[in-house]
Amino acid sequence: MKFSVACAALVVASTAAFSPSHLTKPTVKASNLNMAFKSDIFTTQEVNFADTTETIVKGGRDLFPLLPKAFEGIKNIGVIGWGSQAPAQAQNLRDSLNEAGHEATVTIGLRKGSSSYVEAKECGFSEDAGTLGEMFDVIKQSDLVMLLISDAAQAKLYKEIFAAMKPGATLGLSHGFLLGHLDSIGEKFPEDMDVIAVCPKGMGPSVRRLYEQGKEVNGAGINASFGVHQDVSGKATDLALGWGVALGSPFMFETTLSSEYKSDIFGERGILLGAVHGIVETLYRRYQRQGMTAEQAFLESSESITGKIVKIISTQGIKAVYDQMNDEDKKTFEIAYSASYLPAKEILQEIYDEVACGNEIRTVIMHGDRTSKYPVAKIDGTDTWKVGEKVRAERDEEKIPINPFTAGVYVATMMAQCDVLLEAGHPYSEVVNESVIEAVDSLCPYMHYRGIAFMVDNCSFTAKTGSRKWAPRFDYILDQLAYTAVDNGEPVNEELIEAFKTHKVHDAVTECCKLRPAVDISLFAETSTKEIVIQ
């Protein structure tokens, strides 16, 4: 009985993807955020994202002279951890404050005996200089505690961390995960402290690389959202904005910790990491079934996405991928888009629901408990990525194609992700950064440079966990629903294609493109950050 129901559901979903009567336009909920904040230090500006107006602060090294005022009263900054974000943020913050002439000490706090002591020392932090120490010792002396240990570790240690913080200290986060965990168990942050978040929309190594590479052009970096969860001092907003400026963020937009963790954990399981992994795997097999060589199949799937499609999106927007095609390629794109949108959205909605209800947070915590017995393993051992090594070695960037079918699948998934977030009430700034900008400006360049594992494993533990869990689901559902619909000759859903062409998110993406980093990230340039390669 269960099998019959499941099969019927698959048939219904496959047919619905093409049905003209299927609801194709998202029901966009108004954002719960005010989207209009004020600063006593930094100049704010209003930006029109689609049909909404949001307030942002545009970053740049020319704002560094304002940092001493933003960090007024902050003498000791403890960066706790040494994962994806901590090395980049600690170095950027140290360098920016030094350039600004603010005499604050940035100190790394690590577990006693941590192997990361060596890496921290290589980046200029040391016990002799008082810039490297045991994590709880560092927490006790810090005016700003930037808690950048893994989310799973935060969930285990938060009580000890709160107890160790001195009166008047600010808790700084780069993810709303801890709030999600506290909400799920009925607990709260201590009420006597400021709690802020600055959340770069990209993996840590890219935060450092773009900061280094943008020094001569008034700065470059990764956009960041910021949130003020508790403001006891009345200075929390300006401290958060100063933190973002010091990281090199091209622009900062407001969010809440709740909105941030839902969109962030969701996004990395979707098009940012998990979905793109699944898309490449399934297209690679499909193209070989159609007669392509393994090398050509990789070129038409992974290389097409990372070498051409995302580069167009980064500078010109999502719709530009479609607009630049000839009529025949547009038809192929429409077939792939129409077939893929609903199956992808089905998985994406499931992911969002799992995140919002706390299930995905519990998954990360439980996975953290298992890592000593089941360590995180390689994910690039399949034929896809072995062939990819050969293709990259012989790559000619100018000859990478824009495969219209690949583009249709990828863009459909990206648009479906945008719609899930919009329907949940997230603002356009957050939607675009979590679904588009982070993918094209931070993450995909890493996959293009060295494959899927180099992208995924330089992200946080939470991201690695989610990507590995959900990538197979996208692989499966596209193979089972989208491609079978195409092969069975199902007609294109014209309403769905029209909804794509006229979607308001395109205007928001275009506006974000104007605010993008001043340079494109280079993975070939020297850097002081260390990228991870799981052996």
Protein backbone atom coordinates (compact mmCIF):
# COMPACT_ATOMS: atom_id res chain seq x y z
CA MET A 1 0.00 0.00 0.00
CA LYS A 2 2.75 2.43 0.95
CA PHE A 3 4.61 1.59 -2.25
CA SER A 4 1.52 2.29 -4.36
CA VAL A 5 0.97 5.64 -2.70
CA ALA A 6 4.60 6.59 -3.20
CA CYS A 7 4.50 5.67 -6.88
CA ALA A 8 1.31 7.63 -7.36
CA ALA A 9 2.93 10.65 -5.73
CA LEU A 10 5.87 10.42 -8.12
CA VAL A 11 3.55 10.36 -11.13
CA VAL A 12 1.50 13.29 -9.85
CA ALA A 13 4.59 15.37 -9.13
CA SER A 14 6.07 14.59 -12.55
CA THR A 15 2.88 15.58 -14.33
CA ALA A 16 2.43 18.70 -12.19
CA ALA A 17 5.81 19.97 -13.24
CA PHE A 18 4.43 20.49 -16.74
CA SER A 19 0.77 21.18 -16.01
CA PRO A 20 -0.39 24.64 -17.19
CA SER A 21 -2.79 24.76 -14.26
CA HIS A 22 -0.02 24.27 -11.71
CA LEU A 23 0.63 27.30 -9.54
CA THR A 24 3.83 28.78 -10.97
CA LYS A 25 4.19 32.10 -9.22
CA PRO A 26 5.40 32.09 -5.61
CA THR A 27 3.25 33.52 -2.88
CA VAL A 28 5.71 36.09 -1.58
CA LYS A 29 5.18 36.88 2.09
CA ALA A 30 6.13 40.27 3.43
CA SER A 31 9.38 40.15 5.36
CA ASN A 32 9.13 40.14 9.13
CA LEU A 33 12.20 42.39 9.30
CA ASN A 34 12.04 46.14 9.53
CA MET A 35 14.83 46.44 6.91
CA ALA A 36 15.52 50.03 8.01
CA PHE A 37 18.22 50.43 10.64
CA LYS A 38 20.17 53.47 11.82
CA SER A 39 23.83 53.98 12.63
CA ASP A 40 25.51 56.74 14.61
CA ILE A 41 28.83 56.06 12.89
CA PHE A 42 28.39 54.64 9.40
CA THR A 43 26.44 56.17 6.53
CA THR A 44 23.45 54.08 5.56
CA GLN A 45 21.79 54.04 2.17
CA GLU A 46 18.51 52.78 0.83
CA VAL A 47 18.54 50.25 -2.00
CA ASN A 48 15.59 49.02 -4.02
CA PHE A 49 15.58 45.23 -4.21
CA ALA A 50 12.72 44.32 -6.55
CA ASP A 51 9.60 45.86 -4.96
CA THR A 52 11.12 46.46 -1.52
CA THR A 53 13.40 49.11 -0.09
CA GLU A 54 16.13 47.98 2.27
CA THR A 55 18.81 49.78 4.22
CA ILE A 56 22.44 48.76 3.80
CA VAL A 57 25.91 49.98 4.69
CA LYS A 58 28.36 49.87 1.83
CA GLY A 59 31.83 48.81 2.98
CA GLY A 60 35.30 49.78 1.85
CA ARG A 61 38.75 50.48 3.22
CA ASP A 62 37.94 54.17 3.18
CA LEU A 63 35.73 53.45 6.22
CA PHE A 64 38.60 52.07 8.31
CA PRO A 65 39.15 55.45 10.07
CA LEU A 66 35.68 54.95 11.60
CA LEU A 67 36.59 51.62 13.16
CA PRO A 68 38.08 53.04 16.41
CA LYS A 69 34.74 54.66 17.16
CA ALA A 70 32.77 51.51 16.29
CA PHE A 71 35.07 49.42 18.52
CA GLU A 72 35.17 52.00 21.31
CA GLY A 73 35.65 50.25 24.64
CA ILE A 74 36.72 47.01 22.95
CA LYS A 75 40.32 46.33 23.98
CA ASN A 76 40.42 42.55 23.79
CA ILE A 77 38.78 40.56 21.01
CA GLY A 78 38.72 36.79 21.43
CA VAL A 79 38.29 34.76 18.25
CA ILE A 80 37.32 31.33 19.51
CA GLY A 81 38.05 28.42 17.19
CA TRP A 82 40.03 27.77 14.03
CA GLY A 83 37.60 26.30 11.51
CA SER A 84 36.41 27.73 8.21
CA GLN A 85 35.67 31.31 9.35
CA ALA A 86 38.01 31.95 12.28
CA PRO A 87 41.37 32.14 10.43
CA ALA A 88 39.99 34.58 7.86
CA GLN A 89 38.02 36.75 10.25
CA ALA A 90 40.80 36.94 12.85
CA GLN A 91 43.39 38.01 10.29
CA ASN A 92 41.11 40.47 8.51
CA LEU A 93 40.03 42.03 11.79
CA ARG A 94 43.59 42.27 13.09
CA ASP A 95 44.87 43.83 9.86
CA SER A 96 42.00 46.31 9.56
CA LEU A 97 42.19 47.49 13.17
CA ASN A 98 45.95 47.88 12.86
CA GLU A 99 45.52 49.97 9.73
CA ALA A 100 42.87 52.03 11.51
CA GLY A 101 45.20 52.64 14.43
CA HIS A 102 42.88 51.04 16.98
CA GLU A 103 44.82 49.41 19.80
CA ALA A 104 42.73 46.30 20.30
CA THR A 105 44.30 42.88 20.68
CA VAL A 106 42.88 40.04 18.58
CA THR A 107 43.55 36.76 20.38
CA ILE A 108 42.84 33.22 19.18
CA GLY A 109 41.28 30.87 21.73
CA LEU A 110 41.67 27.12 21.16
CA ARG A 111 41.11 23.90 23.05
CA LYS A 112 44.13 22.83 25.07
CA GLY A 113 46.27 20.58 22.92
CA SER A 114 44.50 21.57 19.69
CA SER A 115 46.45 20.81 16.52
CA SER A 116 45.37 24.24 15.24
CA TYR A 117 47.91 25.98 17.46
CA VAL A 118 50.53 25.41 14.75
CA GLU A 119 48.36 26.95 12.02
CA ALA A 120 47.47 29.93 14.20
CA LYS A 121 51.15 30.57 14.88
CA GLU A 122 51.86 30.44 11.14
CA CYS A 123 49.35 33.29 10.75
CA GLY A 124 51.16 35.48 13.28
CA PHE A 125 49.34 34.68 16.52
CA SER A 126 51.45 33.55 19.45
CA GLU A 127 51.33 32.78 23.15
CA ASP A 128 54.36 34.98 23.80
CA ALA A 129 52.58 38.01 22.31
CA GLY A 130 49.38 37.22 24.21
CA THR A 131 47.44 36.60 20.98
CA LEU A 132 47.00 32.84 21.32
CA GLY A 133 45.74 30.85 24.29
CA GLU A 134 43.38 28.34 25.80
CA MET A 135 39.81 29.15 24.77
CA PHE A 136 38.26 29.72 28.20
CA ASP A 137 41.18 31.84 29.33
CA VAL A 138 40.70 33.97 26.21
CA ILE A 139 36.93 34.17 26.72
CA LYS A 140 37.36 35.43 30.29
CA GLN A 141 39.49 38.39 29.21
CA SER A 142 37.62 39.37 26.03
CA ASP A 143 35.35 42.37 25.57
CA LEU A 144 34.09 40.86 22.32
CA VAL A 145 33.89 37.07 22.14
CA MET A 146 33.65 35.98 18.50
CA LEU A 147 32.42 32.42 18.92
CA LEU A 148 33.53 30.65 15.73
CA ILE A 149 33.86 27.06 16.90
CA SER A 150 31.67 24.53 15.08
CA ASP A 151 27.93 24.75 15.58
CA ALA A 152 27.89 21.27 17.13
CA ALA A 153 30.56 22.37 19.64
CA GLN A 154 28.60 25.53 20.46
CA ALA A 155 25.59 23.39 21.30
CA LYS A 156 27.72 21.34 23.70
CA LEU A 157 29.68 24.15 25.38
CA TYR A 158 27.37 27.18 25.43
CA LYS A 159 26.70 27.07 29.19
CA GLU A 160 30.39 27.06 30.04
CA ILE A 161 31.03 29.83 27.50
CA PHE A 162 28.29 32.08 28.87
CA ALA A 163 29.54 31.50 32.42
CA ALA A 164 33.11 32.39 31.46
CA MET A 165 32.27 35.72 29.79
CA LYS A 166 33.02 38.79 31.87
CA PRO A 167 30.28 41.33 32.71
CA GLY A 168 29.62 43.75 29.88
CA ALA A 169 31.22 41.55 27.21
CA THR A 170 29.55 41.12 23.83
CA LEU A 171 28.87 37.72 22.31
CA GLY A 172 29.56 37.72 18.57
CA LEU A 173 28.38 34.95 16.25
CA SER A 174 28.71 34.30 12.53
CA HIS A 175 25.73 32.02 12.35
CA GLY A 176 22.34 31.89 14.04
CA PHE A 177 22.64 28.15 14.71
CA LEU A 178 23.07 28.56 18.47
CA LEU A 179 19.83 30.52 18.70
CA GLY A 180 18.07 27.75 16.79
CA HIS A 181 19.42 25.21 19.23
CA LEU A 182 18.47 27.27 22.28
CA ASP A 183 14.97 27.83 20.90
CA SER A 184 14.56 24.09 20.33
CA ILE A 185 15.34 23.30 23.99
CA GLY A 186 13.51 26.27 25.50
CA GLU A 187 16.55 28.26 26.60
CA LYS A 188 17.84 31.78 25.90
CA PHE A 189 21.01 33.85 25.87
CA PRO A 190 21.82 35.54 29.19
CA GLU A 191 19.87 38.79 29.27
CA ASP A 192 22.73 40.95 30.55
CA MET A 193 24.90 40.80 27.41
CA ASP A 194 24.86 42.17 23.88
CA VAL A 195 24.41 39.41 21.31
CA ILE A 196 25.29 40.25 17.71
CA ALA A 197 25.99 38.35 14.53
CA VAL A 198 28.04 39.17 11.45
CA CYS A 199 27.64 36.44 8.86
CA PRO A 200 29.82 36.51 5.72
CA LYS A 201 27.97 35.03 2.77
CA GLY A 202 30.83 32.77 1.76
CA MET A 203 33.29 30.23 3.10
CA GLY A 204 36.07 31.49 5.35
CA PRO A 205 38.98 31.07 2.90
CA SER A 206 37.18 33.23 0.33
CA VAL A 207 36.66 35.93 2.98
CA ARG A 208 40.43 36.13 3.43
CA ARG A 209 41.38 35.74 -0.22
CA LEU A 210 39.14 38.56 -1.42
CA TYR A 211 40.29 40.80 1.45
CA GLU A 212 43.91 40.28 0.39
CA GLN A 213 43.21 40.64 -3.31
CA GLY A 214 41.16 43.83 -2.90
CA LYS A 215 43.66 45.93 -0.96
CA GLU A 216 44.48 48.12 -3.94
CA VAL A 217 40.87 48.81 -4.98
CA ASN A 218 39.37 50.12 -1.72
CA GLY A 219 38.72 46.61 -0.55
CA ALA A 220 36.92 43.52 -1.62
CA GLY A 221 35.45 40.70 0.36
CA ILE A 222 32.24 38.79 0.90
CA ASN A 223 28.88 40.44 1.57
CA ALA A 224 27.71 39.94 5.14
CA SER A 225 24.41 40.00 6.91
CA PHE A 226 24.33 41.34 10.44
CA GLY A 227 21.86 40.94 13.24
CA VAL A 228 21.43 42.44 16.69
CA HIS A 229 19.69 39.93 18.92
CA GLN A 230 20.25 41.79 22.21
CA ASP A 231 21.40 45.36 22.66
CA VAL A 232 21.95 46.06 26.35
CA SER A 233 24.66 48.67 25.76
CA GLY A 234 22.90 50.59 22.99
CA LYS A 235 26.04 50.22 20.85
CA ALA A 236 25.47 46.79 19.36
CA THR A 237 24.47 47.89 15.85
CA ASP A 238 27.55 50.01 15.28
CA LEU A 239 29.86 47.33 16.67
CA ALA A 240 28.32 44.77 14.30
CA LEU A 241 28.69 47.14 11.34
CA GLY A 242 32.30 47.88 12.33
CA TRP A 243 33.00 44.16 12.46
CA GLY A 244 31.57 43.75 8.94
CA VAL A 245 33.59 46.69 7.59
CA ALA A 246 36.75 45.27 9.15
CA LEU A 247 36.14 41.94 7.42
CA GLY A 248 36.06 43.74 4.07
CA SER A 249 32.38 43.19 3.29
CA PRO A 250 31.31 45.11 0.14
CA PHE A 251 27.92 45.67 1.77
CA MET A 252 26.08 44.67 4.92
CA PHE A 253 22.36 44.04 5.20
CA GLU A 254 20.22 43.46 8.25
CA THR A 255 18.74 40.16 9.33
CA THR A 256 17.76 38.41 12.55
CA LEU A 257 19.56 35.41 14.01
CA SER A 258 16.43 33.35 13.40
CA SER A 259 16.08 34.40 9.77
CA GLU A 260 19.82 33.93 9.23
CA TYR A 261 20.09 30.38 10.47
CA LYS A 262 17.02 29.26 8.56
CA SER A 263 18.18 30.75 5.27
CA ASP A 264 21.84 29.80 5.76
CA ILE A 265 21.47 26.16 6.80
CA PHE A 266 18.82 25.77 4.11
CA GLY A 267 20.89 27.45 1.41
CA GLU A 268 24.02 25.36 1.84
CA ARG A 269 21.97 22.17 1.58
CA GLY A 270 20.42 23.59 -1.58
CA ILE A 271 22.00 25.29 -4.57
CA LEU A 272 25.08 26.49 -2.69
CA LEU A 273 26.51 23.02 -2.02
CA GLY A 274 24.23 20.00 -1.86
CA ALA A 275 22.07 20.68 -4.90
CA VAL A 276 24.92 21.63 -7.25
CA HIS A 277 26.75 18.45 -6.23
CA GLY A 278 23.69 16.36 -7.00
CA ILE A 279 23.05 18.20 -10.27
CA VAL A 280 26.56 17.55 -11.56
CA GLU A 281 26.51 13.86 -10.61
CA THR A 282 23.18 13.20 -12.29
CA LEU A 283 23.92 15.22 -15.46
CA TYR A 284 27.32 13.56 -15.81
CA ARG A 285 25.66 10.14 -15.94
CA ARG A 286 22.83 11.32 -18.18
CA TYR A 287 25.14 12.81 -20.77
CA GLN A 288 27.16 9.61 -20.95
CA ARG A 289 23.98 7.60 -21.46
CA GLN A 290 23.29 9.91 -24.37
CA GLY A 291 26.62 8.99 -25.94
CA MET A 292 29.11 11.56 -24.66
CA THR A 293 32.56 10.56 -23.48
CA ALA A 294 33.23 10.88 -19.77
CA GLU A 295 35.39 13.94 -20.40
CA GLN A 296 32.76 15.65 -22.53
CA ALA A 297 30.05 14.82 -20.00
CA PHE A 298 32.04 16.53 -17.25
CA LEU A 299 32.69 19.50 -19.51
CA GLU A 300 28.98 19.86 -20.32
CA SER A 301 27.88 19.50 -16.69
CA SER A 302 30.30 20.68 -13.99
CA GLU A 303 32.52 22.86 -16.19
CA SER A 304 29.55 24.49 -17.84
CA ILE A 305 28.18 25.52 -14.45
CA THR A 306 31.40 26.69 -12.78
CA GLY A 307 33.23 27.97 -15.85
CA LYS A 308 30.48 29.85 -17.67
CA ILE A 309 27.00 29.90 -16.14
CA VAL A 310 27.92 31.26 -12.69
CA LYS A 311 30.27 33.83 -14.19
CA ILE A 312 27.43 35.30 -16.23
CA ILE A 313 25.14 35.31 -13.18
CA SER A 314 27.82 37.01 -11.06
CA THR A 315 28.07 40.08 -13.26
CA GLN A 316 24.84 40.16 -15.27
CA GLY A 317 22.21 38.25 -13.32
CA ILE A 318 20.35 34.94 -13.62
CA LYS A 319 18.17 35.81 -16.58
CA ALA A 320 21.21 36.86 -18.63
CA VAL A 321 22.12 33.17 -18.96
CA TYR A 322 18.87 32.60 -20.85
CA ASP A 323 18.83 35.89 -22.74
CA GLN A 324 22.21 35.25 -24.36
CA MET A 325 21.14 31.95 -25.90
CA ASN A 326 19.99 31.42 -29.47
CA ASP A 327 16.42 30.29 -30.12
CA GLU A 328 17.26 26.59 -30.27
CA ASP A 329 19.22 26.67 -27.01
CA LYS A 330 16.42 28.62 -25.35
CA LYS A 331 14.00 25.79 -26.20
CA THR A 332 16.37 23.25 -24.64
CA PHE A 333 16.76 25.46 -21.57
CA GLU A 334 12.97 25.74 -21.23
CA ILE A 335 12.53 21.98 -21.44
CA ALA A 336 15.10 21.40 -18.71
CA TYR A 337 13.83 24.27 -16.55
CA SER A 338 10.19 23.22 -16.80
CA ALA A 339 11.02 19.63 -15.89
CA SER A 340 13.38 20.44 -13.03
CA TYR A 341 11.76 23.33 -11.17
CA LEU A 342 9.07 21.47 -9.23
CA PRO A 343 11.10 18.34 -8.34
CA ALA A 344 13.91 20.59 -7.09
CA LYS A 345 11.45 22.77 -5.18
CA GLU A 346 9.93 19.71 -3.53
CA ILE A 347 13.28 18.79 -1.98
CA LEU A 348 14.08 22.42 -1.17
CA GLN A 349 10.78 22.87 0.67
CA GLU A 350 11.48 19.72 2.65
CA ILE A 351 14.92 21.06 3.59
CA TYR A 352 13.49 24.40 4.71
CA ASP A 353 10.84 22.69 6.83
CA GLU A 354 13.47 20.42 8.41
CA VAL A 355 15.63 23.44 9.27
CA ALA A 356 12.77 25.59 10.57
CA CYS A 357 11.43 22.90 12.91
CA GLY A 358 14.87 22.14 14.35
CA ASN A 359 15.35 18.68 12.87
CA GLU A 360 18.35 19.68 10.76
CA ILE A 361 19.98 21.36 13.78
CA ARG A 362 19.62 18.12 15.74
CA THR A 363 21.11 16.22 12.79
CA VAL A 364 24.24 18.37 12.92
CA ILE A 365 24.62 17.93 16.67
CA MET A 366 24.17 14.16 16.47
CA HIS A 367 26.62 13.95 13.57
CA GLY A 368 29.13 15.83 15.71
CA ASP A 369 28.73 13.15 18.38
CA ARG A 370 29.54 10.44 15.83
CA THR A 371 32.63 11.95 14.20
CA SER A 372 35.13 10.25 16.52
CA LYS A 373 33.80 6.90 15.34
CA TYR A 374 32.82 7.93 11.80
CA PRO A 375 35.12 10.77 10.67
CA VAL A 376 34.13 12.98 7.76
CA ALA A 377 35.26 11.16 4.61
CA LYS A 378 36.17 12.19 1.09
CA ILE A 379 33.37 12.89 -1.39
CA ASP A 380 35.34 13.23 -4.60
CA GLY A 381 36.27 9.60 -5.17
CA THR A 382 33.60 8.86 -7.76
CA ASP A 383 34.28 8.62 -11.47
CA THR A 384 32.79 12.08 -11.94
CA TRP A 385 35.48 13.85 -9.97
CA LYS A 386 38.34 11.59 -11.07
CA VAL A 387 37.53 12.48 -14.67
CA GLY A 388 37.19 16.08 -13.52
CA GLU A 389 40.85 16.12 -12.46
CA LYS A 390 41.86 15.21 -16.02
CA VAL A 391 39.51 17.77 -17.57
CA ARG A 392 40.82 20.55 -15.32
CA ALA A 393 44.41 19.67 -16.17
CA GLU A 394 43.65 20.13 -19.88
CA ARG A 395 41.17 23.01 -19.46
CA ASP A 396 40.87 25.81 -21.98
CA GLU A 397 38.64 28.42 -20.32
CA GLU A 398 37.65 29.90 -23.66
CA LYS A 399 36.28 26.58 -24.89
CA ILE A 400 34.04 25.80 -21.91
CA PRO A 401 30.47 25.61 -23.30
CA ILE A 402 27.20 26.89 -21.92
CA ASN A 403 25.15 23.73 -22.12
CA PRO A 404 21.51 24.87 -22.30
CA PHE A 405 20.13 21.74 -20.63
CA THR A 406 22.62 22.06 -17.77
CA ALA A 407 21.74 25.74 -17.48
CA GLY A 408 18.03 24.94 -17.34
CA VAL A 409 18.45 22.43 -14.51
CA TYR A 410 20.82 24.65 -12.51
CA VAL A 411 18.83 27.87 -12.93
CA ALA A 412 15.54 26.09 -12.16
CA THR A 413 16.98 24.88 -8.86
CA MET A 414 18.36 28.32 -8.04
CA MET A 415 15.00 29.95 -8.79
CA ALA A 416 13.13 27.31 -6.78
CA GLN A 417 15.39 28.08 -3.82
CA CYS A 418 14.66 31.79 -4.15
CA ASP A 419 10.94 31.06 -4.21
CA VAL A 420 11.02 28.86 -1.11
CA LEU A 421 12.75 31.65 0.82
CA LEU A 422 10.44 34.36 -0.53
CA GLU A 423 7.38 32.32 0.37
CA ALA A 424 8.77 31.98 3.91
CA GLY A 425 9.03 35.76 4.24
CA HIS A 426 12.78 36.31 3.86
CA PRO A 427 13.84 39.70 2.44
CA TYR A 428 15.32 39.94 -1.05
CA SER A 429 18.80 40.84 0.25
CA GLU A 430 18.94 37.58 2.18
CA VAL A 431 17.32 35.55 -0.59
CA VAL A 432 19.74 36.75 -3.24
CA ASN A 433 22.84 36.39 -1.09
CA GLU A 434 21.92 32.91 0.19
CA SER A 435 20.80 31.61 -3.21
CA VAL A 436 22.86 33.46 -5.80
CA ILE A 437 25.77 35.65 -4.67
CA GLU A 438 27.34 33.13 -2.31
CA ALA A 439 27.11 30.42 -4.97
CA VAL A 440 28.67 32.39 -7.82
CA ASP A 441 31.19 34.62 -6.03
CA SER A 442 32.44 32.39 -3.21
CA LEU A 443 31.65 28.71 -3.59
CA CYS A 444 31.57 27.67 -7.25
CA PRO A 445 35.02 29.21 -7.93
CA TYR A 446 36.40 26.64 -5.48
CA MET A 447 34.68 23.77 -7.29
CA HIS A 448 35.96 25.11 -10.60
CA TYR A 449 39.49 25.26 -9.23
CA ARG A 450 39.73 21.82 -7.64
CA GLY A 451 36.45 19.91 -7.59
CA ILE A 452 33.51 19.29 -5.31
CA ALA A 453 35.43 18.33 -2.14
CA PHE A 454 37.59 21.43 -2.29
CA MET A 455 34.41 23.51 -2.25
CA VAL A 456 32.40 21.59 0.34
CA ASP A 457 35.18 20.75 2.77
CA ASN A 458 36.40 24.33 3.09
CA CYS A 459 33.00 25.21 4.51
CA SER A 460 31.75 24.73 8.07
CA PHE A 461 31.02 21.40 9.73
CA THR A 462 27.31 22.22 9.48
CA ALA A 463 27.64 22.83 5.75
CA LYS A 464 29.66 19.67 5.13
CA THR A 465 27.11 17.62 7.02
CA GLY A 466 24.14 19.03 5.14
CA SER A 467 25.75 18.87 1.71
CA ARG A 468 26.61 15.20 2.12
CA LYS A 469 23.12 14.42 3.37
CA TRP A 470 21.07 16.20 0.71
CA ALA A 471 23.15 15.97 -2.50
CA PRO A 472 21.96 12.38 -3.15
CA ARG A 473 18.35 13.50 -2.80
CA PHE A 474 18.72 16.06 -5.59
CA ASP A 475 20.56 13.48 -7.71
CA TYR A 476 17.72 11.01 -7.22
CA ILE A 477 14.73 13.26 -7.72
CA LEU A 478 16.08 14.89 -10.88
CA ASP A 479 16.85 11.48 -12.37
CA GLN A 480 13.51 10.00 -11.35
CA LEU A 481 11.16 12.90 -12.04
CA ALA A 482 12.73 15.64 -14.15
CA TYR A 483 14.62 13.64 -16.75
CA THR A 484 11.92 11.01 -17.14
CA ALA A 485 9.44 13.78 -17.89
CA VAL A 486 11.80 15.15 -20.55
CA ASP A 487 12.38 11.71 -22.05
CA ASN A 488 8.64 11.03 -22.12
CA GLY A 489 8.10 14.19 -24.17
CA GLU A 490 6.01 16.07 -21.62
CA PRO A 491 5.16 19.57 -22.89
CA VAL A 492 6.84 22.63 -21.43
CA ASN A 493 4.88 24.52 -18.78
CA GLU A 494 4.70 27.91 -20.50
CA GLU A 495 3.35 29.62 -17.37
CA LEU A 496 6.41 28.46 -15.47
CA ILE A 497 8.74 29.84 -18.14
CA GLU A 498 6.89 33.16 -18.19
CA ALA A 499 7.08 33.32 -14.39
CA PHE A 500 10.86 32.85 -14.67
CA LYS A 501 11.22 35.58 -17.27
CA THR A 502 9.21 38.14 -15.29
CA HIS A 503 10.33 37.18 -11.77
CA LYS A 504 11.02 40.16 -9.49
CA VAL A 505 14.13 38.48 -8.11
CA HIS A 506 15.96 39.41 -11.32
CA ASP A 507 15.78 43.09 -10.38
CA ALA A 508 17.12 42.29 -6.92
CA VAL A 509 20.00 40.27 -8.37
CA THR A 510 20.85 43.08 -10.78
CA GLU A 511 21.05 45.51 -7.86
CA CYS A 512 23.27 43.11 -5.92
CA CYS A 513 25.56 42.73 -8.94
CA LYS A 514 26.24 46.47 -8.69
CA LEU A 515 27.44 45.91 -5.11
CA ARG A 516 29.57 42.83 -5.82
CA PRO A 517 33.26 42.57 -4.83
CA ALA A 518 35.61 44.88 -6.72
CA VAL A 519 37.67 41.90 -7.90
CA ASP A 520 36.93 38.32 -8.93
CA ILE A 521 38.36 35.80 -6.51
CA SER A 522 41.59 34.14 -7.66
CA LEU A 523 42.42 30.69 -6.33
CA PHE A 524 45.85 30.86 -7.97
CA ALA A 525 47.04 33.89 -6.00
CA GLU A 526 49.12 33.50 -2.86
CA THR A 527 47.18 33.67 0.39
CA SER A 528 47.81 33.49 4.11
CA THR A 529 44.77 31.28 4.62
CA LYS A 530 44.96 27.50 4.45
CA GLU A 531 42.42 25.54 2.47
CA ILE A 532 41.36 22.05 3.52
CA VAL A 533 41.91 18.90 1.48
CA ILE A 534 40.60 15.71 3.11
CA GLN A 535 42.93 12.82 2.27
